[in-house]
C-alpha atoms as a PDB file:
ATOM      1  CA  UNK A   1     -38.247 -68.279 -77.488  1.00  0.00           C
ATOM      2  CA  UNK A   2     -38.348 -70.985 -75.474  1.00  0.00           C
ATOM      3  CA  UNK A   3     -37.531 -71.167 -71.984  1.00  0.00           C
ATOM      4  CA  UNK A   4     -35.216 -73.758 -70.458  1.00  0.00           C
ATOM      5  CA  UNK A   5     -34.138 -75.201 -67.030  1.00  0.00           C
ATOM      6  CA  UNK A   6     -30.467 -74.311 -66.209  1.00  0.00           C
ATOM      7  CA  UNK A   7     -28.971 -76.534 -63.139  1.00  0.00           C
ATOM      8  CA  UNK A   8     -25.361 -75.387 -62.136  1.00  0.00           C
ATOM      9  CA  UNK A   9     -23.948 -77.874 -59.531  1.00  0.00           C
ATOM     10  CA  UNK A  10     -20.560 -78.316 -57.933  1.00  0.00           C
ATOM     11  CA  UNK A  11     -18.171 -77.349 -55.168  1.00  0.00           C
ATOM     12  CA  UNK A  12     -18.420 -74.954 -52.591  1.00  0.00           C
ATOM     13  CA  UNK A  13     -17.063 -71.548 -53.209  1.00  0.00           C
ATOM     14  CA  UNK A  14     -16.447 -72.079 -57.105  1.00  0.00           C
ATOM     15  CA  UNK A  15     -18.459 -68.732 -57.883  1.00  0.00           C
ATOM     16  CA  UNK A  16     -21.692 -70.988 -58.477  1.00  0.00           C
ATOM     17  CA  UNK A  17     -23.881 -68.395 -57.538  1.00  0.00           C
ATOM     18  CA  UNK A  18     -22.183 -65.515 -59.218  1.00  0.00           C
ATOM     19  CA  UNK A  19     -22.157 -67.001 -62.722  1.00  0.00           C
ATOM     20  CA  UNK A  20     -25.554 -67.938 -61.668  1.00  0.00           C
ATOM     21  CA  UNK A  21     -27.112 -64.653 -61.223  1.00  0.00           C
ATOM     22  CA  UNK A  22     -24.992 -63.080 -63.447  1.00  0.00           C
ATOM     23  CA  UNK A  23     -26.514 -65.512 -66.428  1.00  0.00           C
ATOM     24  CA  UNK A  24     -29.960 -65.303 -65.274  1.00  0.00           C
ATOM     25  CA  UNK A  25     -29.629 -61.467 -65.384  1.00  0.00           C
ATOM     26  CA  UNK A  26     -28.906 -61.865 -68.814  1.00  0.00           C
ATOM     27  CA  UNK A  27     -31.628 -64.092 -69.977  1.00  0.00           C
ATOM     28  CA  UNK A  28     -34.337 -62.676 -67.752  1.00  0.00           C
ATOM     29  CA  UNK A  29     -34.561 -65.933 -66.358  1.00  0.00           C
ATOM     30  CA  UNK A  30     -35.494 -66.513 -62.201  1.00  0.00           C
ATOM     31  CA  UNK A  31     -32.152 -67.260 -60.054  1.00  0.00           C
ATOM     32  CA  UNK A  32     -32.892 -69.432 -57.318  1.00  0.00           C
ATOM     33  CA  UNK A  33     -29.609 -69.778 -54.988  1.00  0.00           C
ATOM     34  CA  UNK A  34     -30.287 -73.637 -53.109  1.00  0.00           C
ATOM     35  CA  UNK A  35     -27.365 -72.781 -51.100  1.00  0.00           C
ATOM     36  CA  UNK A  36     -28.481 -69.528 -49.639  1.00  0.00           C
ATOM     37  CA  UNK A  37     -31.740 -71.627 -48.502  1.00  0.00           C
ATOM     38  CA  UNK A  38     -29.825 -74.066 -46.672  1.00  0.00           C
ATOM     39  CA  UNK A  39     -27.591 -71.601 -45.111  1.00  0.00           C
ATOM     40  CA  UNK A  40     -31.139 -69.620 -43.900  1.00  0.00           C
ATOM     41  CA  UNK A  41     -31.650 -72.864 -42.048  1.00  0.00           C
ATOM     42  CA  UNK A  42     -28.478 -73.481 -40.770  1.00  0.00           C
ATOM     43  CA  UNK A  43     -28.517 -69.591 -39.253  1.00  0.00           C
ATOM     44  CA  UNK A  44     -32.435 -70.379 -37.806  1.00  0.00           C
ATOM     45  CA  UNK A  45     -30.868 -73.445 -36.048  1.00  0.00           C
ATOM     46  CA  UNK A  46     -27.379 -71.188 -34.749  1.00  0.00           C
ATOM     47  CA  UNK A  47     -29.862 -68.681 -33.203  1.00  0.00           C
ATOM     48  CA  UNK A  48     -32.685 -70.744 -31.902  1.00  0.00           C
ATOM     49  CA  UNK A  49     -29.783 -73.035 -30.124  1.00  0.00           C
ATOM     50  CA  UNK A  50     -30.046 -76.405 -32.373  1.00  0.00           C
ATOM     51  CA  UNK A  51     -26.796 -77.114 -32.257  1.00  0.00           C
ATOM     52  CA  UNK A  52     -25.327 -79.190 -28.927  1.00  0.00           C
ATOM     53  CA  UNK A  53     -22.028 -78.092 -27.547  1.00  0.00           C
ATOM     54  CA  UNK A  54     -19.861 -80.912 -29.520  1.00  0.00           C
ATOM     55  CA  UNK A  55     -21.730 -78.879 -32.958  1.00  0.00           C
ATOM     56  CA  UNK A  56     -23.757 -81.731 -33.939  1.00  0.00           C
ATOM     57  CA  UNK A  57     -27.272 -80.786 -34.893  1.00  0.00           C
ATOM     58  CA  UNK A  58     -30.452 -81.482 -33.072  1.00  0.00           C
ATOM     59  CA  UNK A  59     -32.558 -82.678 -35.496  1.00  0.00           C
ATOM     60  CA  UNK A  60     -35.187 -83.662 -33.582  1.00  0.00           C
ATOM     61  CA  UNK A  61     -36.011 -80.252 -31.978  1.00  0.00           C
ATOM     62  CA  UNK A  62     -35.248 -78.800 -35.432  1.00  0.00           C
ATOM     63  CA  UNK A  63     -37.780 -80.747 -37.209  1.00  0.00           C
ATOM     64  CA  UNK A  64     -40.396 -79.787 -34.879  1.00  0.00           C
ATOM     65  CA  UNK A  65     -39.874 -76.076 -35.633  1.00  0.00           C
ATOM     66  CA  UNK A  66     -39.189 -76.286 -39.186  1.00  0.00           C
ATOM     67  CA  UNK A  67     -43.080 -75.093 -39.771  1.00  0.00           C
ATOM     68  CA  UNK A  68     -41.189 -71.302 -37.811  1.00  0.00           C
ATOM     69  CA  UNK A  69     -38.641 -71.389 -40.922  1.00  0.00           C
ATOM     70  CA  UNK A  70     -39.682 -69.055 -44.104  1.00  0.00           C
ATOM     71  CA  UNK A  71     -37.076 -69.065 -46.777  1.00  0.00           C
ATOM     72  CA  UNK A  72     -37.597 -66.836 -49.339  1.00  0.00           C
ATOM     73  CA  UNK A  73     -35.911 -64.039 -51.500  1.00  0.00           C
ATOM     74  CA  UNK A  74     -36.459 -60.373 -51.530  1.00  0.00           C
ATOM     75  CA  UNK A  75     -35.158 -58.036 -54.417  1.00  0.00           C
ATOM     76  CA  UNK A  76     -32.202 -55.638 -53.797  1.00  0.00           C
ATOM     77  CA  UNK A  77     -33.276 -52.293 -54.613  1.00  0.00           C
ATOM     78  CA  UNK A  78     -28.866 -51.618 -54.974  1.00  0.00           C
ATOM     79  CA  UNK A  79     -27.944 -54.727 -56.896  1.00  0.00           C
ATOM     80  CA  UNK A  80     -31.404 -55.536 -58.364  1.00  0.00           C
ATOM     81  CA  UNK A  81     -30.633 -59.320 -57.827  1.00  0.00           C
ATOM     82  CA  UNK A  82     -32.329 -61.858 -55.120  1.00  0.00           C
ATOM     83  CA  UNK A  83     -31.203 -61.649 -51.406  1.00  0.00           C
ATOM     84  CA  UNK A  84     -31.833 -64.536 -49.120  1.00  0.00           C
ATOM     85  CA  UNK A  85     -34.607 -63.464 -46.382  1.00  0.00           C
ATOM     86  CA  UNK A  86     -35.546 -65.748 -43.466  1.00  0.00           C
ATOM     87  CA  UNK A  87     -38.931 -64.856 -42.064  1.00  0.00           C
ATOM     88  CA  UNK A  88     -38.639 -61.627 -44.146  1.00  0.00           C
ATOM     89  CA  UNK A  89     -35.566 -60.802 -42.482  1.00  0.00           C
ATOM     90  CA  UNK A  90     -32.781 -60.268 -45.189  1.00  0.00           C
ATOM     91  CA  UNK A  91     -29.846 -62.158 -43.903  1.00  0.00           C
ATOM     92  CA  UNK A  92     -27.697 -62.130 -47.256  1.00  0.00           C
ATOM     93  CA  UNK A  93     -24.381 -61.089 -45.919  1.00  0.00           C
ATOM     94  CA  UNK A  94     -25.000 -62.892 -42.311  1.00  0.00           C
ATOM     95  CA  UNK A  95     -25.343 -66.328 -43.675  1.00  0.00           C
ATOM     96  CA  UNK A  96     -21.990 -65.704 -45.750  1.00  0.00           C
ATOM     97  CA  UNK A  97     -20.183 -65.642 -42.165  1.00  0.00           C
ATOM     98  CA  UNK A  98     -17.368 -68.241 -41.697  1.00  0.00           C
ATOM     99  CA  UNK A  99     -19.262 -69.414 -38.683  1.00  0.00           C
ATOM    100  CA  UNK A 100     -22.656 -70.010 -40.610  1.00  0.00           C
ATOM    101  CA  UNK A 101     -20.113 -71.883 -43.145  1.00  0.00           C
ATOM    102  CA  UNK A 102     -19.185 -74.033 -40.791  1.00  0.00           C
ATOM    103  CA  UNK A 103     -21.925 -75.311 -40.187  1.00  0.00           C
ATOM    104  CA  UNK A 104     -24.605 -75.621 -43.260  1.00  0.00           C
ATOM    105  CA  UNK A 105     -23.152 -78.894 -44.145  1.00  0.00           C
ATOM    106  CA  UNK A 106     -24.731 -80.538 -41.354  1.00  0.00           C
ATOM    107  CA  UNK A 107     -27.691 -79.213 -41.779  1.00  0.00           C
ATOM    108  CA  UNK A 108     -27.946 -79.739 -45.694  1.00  0.00           C
ATOM    109  CA  UNK A 109     -27.307 -83.642 -44.825  1.00  0.00           C
ATOM    110  CA  UNK A 110     -30.677 -83.727 -43.003  1.00  0.00           C
ATOM    111  CA  UNK A 111     -33.015 -85.639 -44.807  1.00  0.00           C
ATOM    112  CA  UNK A 112     -36.281 -83.476 -43.836  1.00  0.00           C
ATOM    113  CA  UNK A 113     -34.169 -80.117 -44.597  1.00  0.00           C
ATOM    114  CA  UNK A 114     -33.631 -81.596 -47.445  1.00  0.00           C
ATOM    115  CA  UNK A 115     -36.935 -82.464 -48.578  1.00  0.00           C
ATOM    116  CA  UNK A 116     -38.925 -79.428 -47.207  1.00  0.00           C
ATOM    117  CA  UNK A 117     -36.021 -77.685 -49.794  1.00  0.00           C
ATOM    118  CA  UNK A 118     -35.975 -79.560 -52.467  1.00  0.00           C
ATOM    119  CA  UNK A 119     -39.913 -79.245 -52.759  1.00  0.00           C
ATOM    120  CA  UNK A 120     -39.680 -75.722 -52.678  1.00  0.00           C
ATOM    121  CA  UNK A 121     -37.038 -75.310 -55.439  1.00  0.00           C
ATOM    122  CA  UNK A 122     -39.371 -77.824 -57.250  1.00  0.00           C
ATOM    123  CA  UNK A 123     -42.298 -75.388 -56.985  1.00  0.00           C
ATOM    124  CA  UNK A 124     -40.145 -72.476 -58.186  1.00  0.00           C
ATOM    125  CA  UNK A 125     -39.007 -74.200 -61.314  1.00  0.00           C
ATOM    126  CA  UNK A 126     -42.118 -75.277 -62.604  1.00  0.00           C
ATOM    127  CA  UNK A 127     -42.697 -73.156 -65.277  1.00  0.00           C
ATOM    128  CA  UNK A 128     -38.937 -73.460 -66.216  1.00  0.00           C
ATOM    129  CA  UNK A 129     -37.367 -70.140 -67.377  1.00  0.00           C
ATOM    130  CA  UNK A 130     -35.018 -70.598 -64.002  1.00  0.00           C
ATOM    131  CA  UNK A 131     -31.563 -70.602 -63.505  1.00  0.00           C
ATOM    132  CA  UNK A 132     -30.496 -72.782 -60.173  1.00  0.00           C
ATOM    133  CA  UNK A 133     -27.487 -73.483 -58.272  1.00  0.00           C
ATOM    134  CA  UNK A 134     -26.480 -75.545 -55.187  1.00  0.00           C
ATOM    135  CA  UNK A 135     -25.390 -79.531 -55.133  1.00  0.00           C
ATOM    136  CA  UNK A 136     -27.806 -81.512 -56.407  1.00  0.00           C
ATOM    137  CA  UNK A 137     -30.047 -79.481 -58.868  1.00  0.00           C
ATOM    138  CA  UNK A 138     -28.975 -81.906 -61.930  1.00  0.00           C
ATOM    139  CA  UNK A 139     -29.573 -84.947 -59.809  1.00  0.00           C
ATOM    140  CA  UNK A 140     -32.085 -84.592 -57.753  1.00  0.00           C
ATOM    141  CA  UNK A 141     -34.059 -81.479 -57.958  1.00  0.00           C
ATOM    142  CA  UNK A 142     -34.423 -81.279 -61.817  1.00  0.00           C
ATOM    143  CA  UNK A 143     -32.754 -84.446 -63.485  1.00  0.00           C
ATOM    144  CA  UNK A 144     -34.399 -83.386 -66.881  1.00  0.00           C
ATOM    145  CA  UNK A 145     -32.810 -80.175 -66.949  1.00  0.00           C
ATOM    146  CA  UNK A 146     -32.237 -79.060 -70.717  1.00  0.00           C
ATOM    147  CA  UNK A 147     -28.601 -77.605 -69.079  1.00  0.00           C
ATOM    148  CA  UNK A 148     -26.605 -78.948 -66.731  1.00  0.00           C
ATOM    149  CA  UNK A 149     -23.526 -77.465 -65.638  1.00  0.00           C
ATOM    150  CA  UNK A 150     -20.464 -79.033 -62.952  1.00  0.00           C
ATOM    151  CA  UNK A 151     -18.073 -76.264 -61.627  1.00  0.00           C
ATOM    152  CA  UNK A 152     -15.215 -77.249 -59.960  1.00  0.00           C
ATOM    153  CA  UNK A 153     -11.601 -75.397 -58.758  1.00  0.00           C
ATOM    154  CA  UNK A 154      -8.553 -76.173 -56.898  1.00  0.00           C
ATOM    155  CA  UNK A 155      -9.534 -76.264 -52.660  1.00  0.00           C
ATOM    156  CA  UNK A 156      -6.754 -73.565 -52.705  1.00  0.00           C
ATOM    157  CA  UNK A 157      -8.367 -71.381 -55.205  1.00  0.00           C
ATOM    158  CA  UNK A 158     -11.726 -71.370 -53.778  1.00  0.00           C
ATOM    159  CA  UNK A 159     -10.345 -70.567 -50.604  1.00  0.00           C
ATOM    160  CA  UNK A 160      -8.850 -67.587 -51.695  1.00  0.00           C
ATOM    161  CA  UNK A 161     -11.711 -66.397 -53.369  1.00  0.00           C
ATOM    162  CA  UNK A 162     -13.840 -66.456 -50.083  1.00  0.00           C
ATOM    163  CA  UNK A 163     -11.028 -65.044 -48.393  1.00  0.00           C
ATOM    164  CA  UNK A 164     -11.620 -62.324 -50.473  1.00  0.00           C
ATOM    165  CA  UNK A 165     -15.147 -62.033 -50.310  1.00  0.00           C
ATOM    166  CA  UNK A 166     -14.903 -61.718 -46.459  1.00  0.00           C
ATOM    167  CA  UNK A 167     -12.224 -59.028 -46.576  1.00  0.00           C
ATOM    168  CA  UNK A 168     -14.103 -56.701 -49.486  1.00  0.00           C
ATOM    169  CA  UNK A 169     -17.009 -57.051 -47.145  1.00  0.00           C
ATOM    170  CA  UNK A 170     -15.018 -55.957 -44.123  1.00  0.00           C
ATOM    171  CA  UNK A 171     -16.062 -59.429 -42.174  1.00  0.00           C
ATOM    172  CA  UNK A 172     -12.922 -61.377 -40.415  1.00  0.00           C
ATOM    173  CA  UNK A 173     -11.354 -64.158 -42.214  1.00  0.00           C
ATOM    174  CA  UNK A 174      -8.246 -66.312 -41.752  1.00  0.00           C
ATOM    175  CA  UNK A 175      -7.218 -68.155 -44.863  1.00  0.00           C
ATOM    176  CA  UNK A 176      -5.829 -71.713 -43.150  1.00  0.00           C
ATOM    177  CA  UNK A 177      -9.596 -71.639 -41.572  1.00  0.00           C
ATOM    178  CA  UNK A 178     -11.354 -71.002 -45.046  1.00  0.00           C
ATOM    179  CA  UNK A 179      -9.378 -73.937 -46.476  1.00  0.00           C
ATOM    180  CA  UNK A 180      -9.798 -76.028 -43.872  1.00  0.00           C
ATOM    181  CA  UNK A 181     -13.973 -75.406 -44.210  1.00  0.00           C
ATOM    182  CA  UNK A 182     -13.807 -75.776 -47.897  1.00  0.00           C
ATOM    183  CA  UNK A 183     -12.133 -79.337 -47.780  1.00  0.00           C
ATOM    184  CA  UNK A 184     -14.493 -80.470 -44.594  1.00  0.00           C
ATOM    185  CA  UNK A 185     -17.571 -79.221 -46.910  1.00  0.00           C
ATOM    186  CA  UNK A 186     -16.386 -81.135 -50.036  1.00  0.00           C
ATOM    187  CA  UNK A 187     -15.935 -84.403 -47.889  1.00  0.00           C
ATOM    188  CA  UNK A 188     -19.060 -83.716 -45.863  1.00  0.00           C
ATOM    189  CA  UNK A 189     -21.140 -82.886 -49.198  1.00  0.00           C
ATOM    190  CA  UNK A 190     -19.535 -85.670 -51.480  1.00  0.00           C
ATOM    191  CA  UNK A 191     -20.243 -88.386 -48.805  1.00  0.00           C
ATOM    192  CA  UNK A 192     -23.644 -87.762 -47.214  1.00  0.00           C
ATOM    193  CA  UNK A 193     -26.460 -90.581 -47.921  1.00  0.00           C
ATOM    194  CA  UNK A 194     -29.218 -88.120 -49.008  1.00  0.00           C
ATOM    195  CA  UNK A 195     -28.225 -86.326 -52.578  1.00  0.00           C
ATOM    196  CA  UNK A 196     -24.714 -86.239 -52.598  1.00  0.00           C
ATOM    197  CA  UNK A 197     -22.779 -83.885 -54.505  1.00  0.00           C
ATOM    198  CA  UNK A 198     -21.585 -85.328 -57.390  1.00  0.00           C
ATOM    199  CA  UNK A 199     -21.774 -84.986 -61.457  1.00  0.00           C
ATOM    200  CA  UNK A 200     -24.695 -85.707 -63.111  1.00  0.00           C
ATOM    201  CA  UNK A 201     -23.755 -87.868 -65.982  1.00  0.00           C
ATOM    202  CA  UNK A 202     -25.230 -85.407 -68.936  1.00  0.00           C
ATOM    203  CA  UNK A 203     -23.611 -82.309 -66.605  1.00  0.00           C
ATOM    204  CA  UNK A 204     -20.820 -79.910 -68.701  1.00  0.00           C
ATOM    205  CA  UNK A 205     -17.906 -80.012 -66.162  1.00  0.00           C
ATOM    206  CA  UNK A 206     -16.740 -76.343 -65.976  1.00  0.00           C
ATOM    207  CA  UNK A 207     -13.021 -75.984 -63.720  1.00  0.00           C
ATOM    208  CA  UNK A 208     -12.983 -72.247 -63.651  1.00  0.00           C
ATOM    209  CA  UNK A 209      -9.673 -72.368 -61.270  1.00  0.00           C
ATOM    210  CA  UNK A 210      -7.765 -70.228 -63.988  1.00  0.00           C
ATOM    211  CA  UNK A 211     -10.711 -68.324 -65.648  1.00  0.00           C
ATOM    212  CA  UNK A 212     -11.426 -64.729 -65.264  1.00  0.00           C
ATOM    213  CA  UNK A 213     -15.554 -64.068 -65.102  1.00  0.00           C
ATOM    214  CA  UNK A 214     -15.546 -62.497 -68.362  1.00  0.00           C
ATOM    215  CA  UNK A 215     -13.955 -65.786 -69.850  1.00  0.00           C
ATOM    216  CA  UNK A 216     -16.594 -68.119 -67.839  1.00  0.00           C
ATOM    217  CA  UNK A 217     -19.516 -65.959 -68.982  1.00  0.00           C
ATOM    218  CA  UNK A 218     -18.813 -66.170 -72.697  1.00  0.00           C
ATOM    219  CA  UNK A 219     -18.275 -69.476 -71.800  1.00  0.00           C
ATOM    220  CA  UNK A 220     -21.616 -70.336 -70.368  1.00  0.00           C
ATOM    221  CA  UNK A 221     -23.328 -68.171 -73.387  1.00  0.00           C
ATOM    222  CA  UNK A 222     -21.835 -70.646 -75.592  1.00  0.00           C
ATOM    223  CA  UNK A 223     -23.575 -73.623 -73.450  1.00  0.00           C
ATOM    224  CA  UNK A 224     -27.196 -71.905 -73.575  1.00  0.00           C
ATOM    225  CA  UNK A 225     -26.934 -71.184 -77.233  1.00  0.00           C
ATOM    226  CA  UNK A 226     -26.313 -74.850 -77.861  1.00  0.00           C
ATOM    227  CA  UNK A 227     -29.255 -75.937 -75.061  1.00  0.00           C
ATOM    228  CA  UNK A 228     -31.298 -73.947 -76.896  1.00  0.00           C
ATOM    229  CA  UNK A 229     -30.807 -74.905 -80.161  1.00  0.00           C
END
C-alpha cells in the first residue's frame, strides 16, 4: 500500500496531538508533534533565563544557543508513543504546563526558531508515511501533503479540555487563566508574520466541539481512505 503525508493543523487544545497519535498508530505511520518541538525550545529558554522581566524573548541570546538545543522524540515504553525530549531528557509532561503554554507562542513566532524546526520536520517526513500536527504543516512544512486536516473548536470547549487534562495529571489548573491563554495564543498564532496559523485552501475542516473521540477517529479514517484512493 502506498504511503502518504498527513498534515493536521489547527488551534491550540483541539486535541490534534491525540488524534494524530492514534491515527499514526492505526496506520503504522511515524507521528511527529511539532507543537511539542516549539514547547521544548520554550522550556529551554525558560530554564536558561531567556525571557526578560516583561516576558519578551531575548532573541539574540537564544539564537546564539540554538545549537545547544537538541529536540527529539523517544518511545515511551508504557504507552508505546513518542515523548518529547530536550537534550535526551524526557520533558513530555513538563512542556504541557500552563507556564510553558504562556510563553510558547512568542518562541514559535521567531523566524530562526521556525526555520530550524521546519528543516527538521521536513527531514522527518522525507519518506512519507507520516502524520504531523501543528500550526503550519499543510501551508509551510508540507504544502503538497496528500491529506490536510484543519481542526477547530470553540475557545471554551478547548479551555475545558486543557483544564481536564491538567487535572488528570495532577497539575495546577485555573479555568479562567487557561481560557485567557487559549484566546491569546489564537491571536498570536494567527497574526504572526512568519507562517501564521491559517487553513490551507485544500484542507478539510473539522470542528470537533461536539464530537466524541470515537466519532472523530471514525471521521479521520474516512478521510484517509479517500486520500489513499
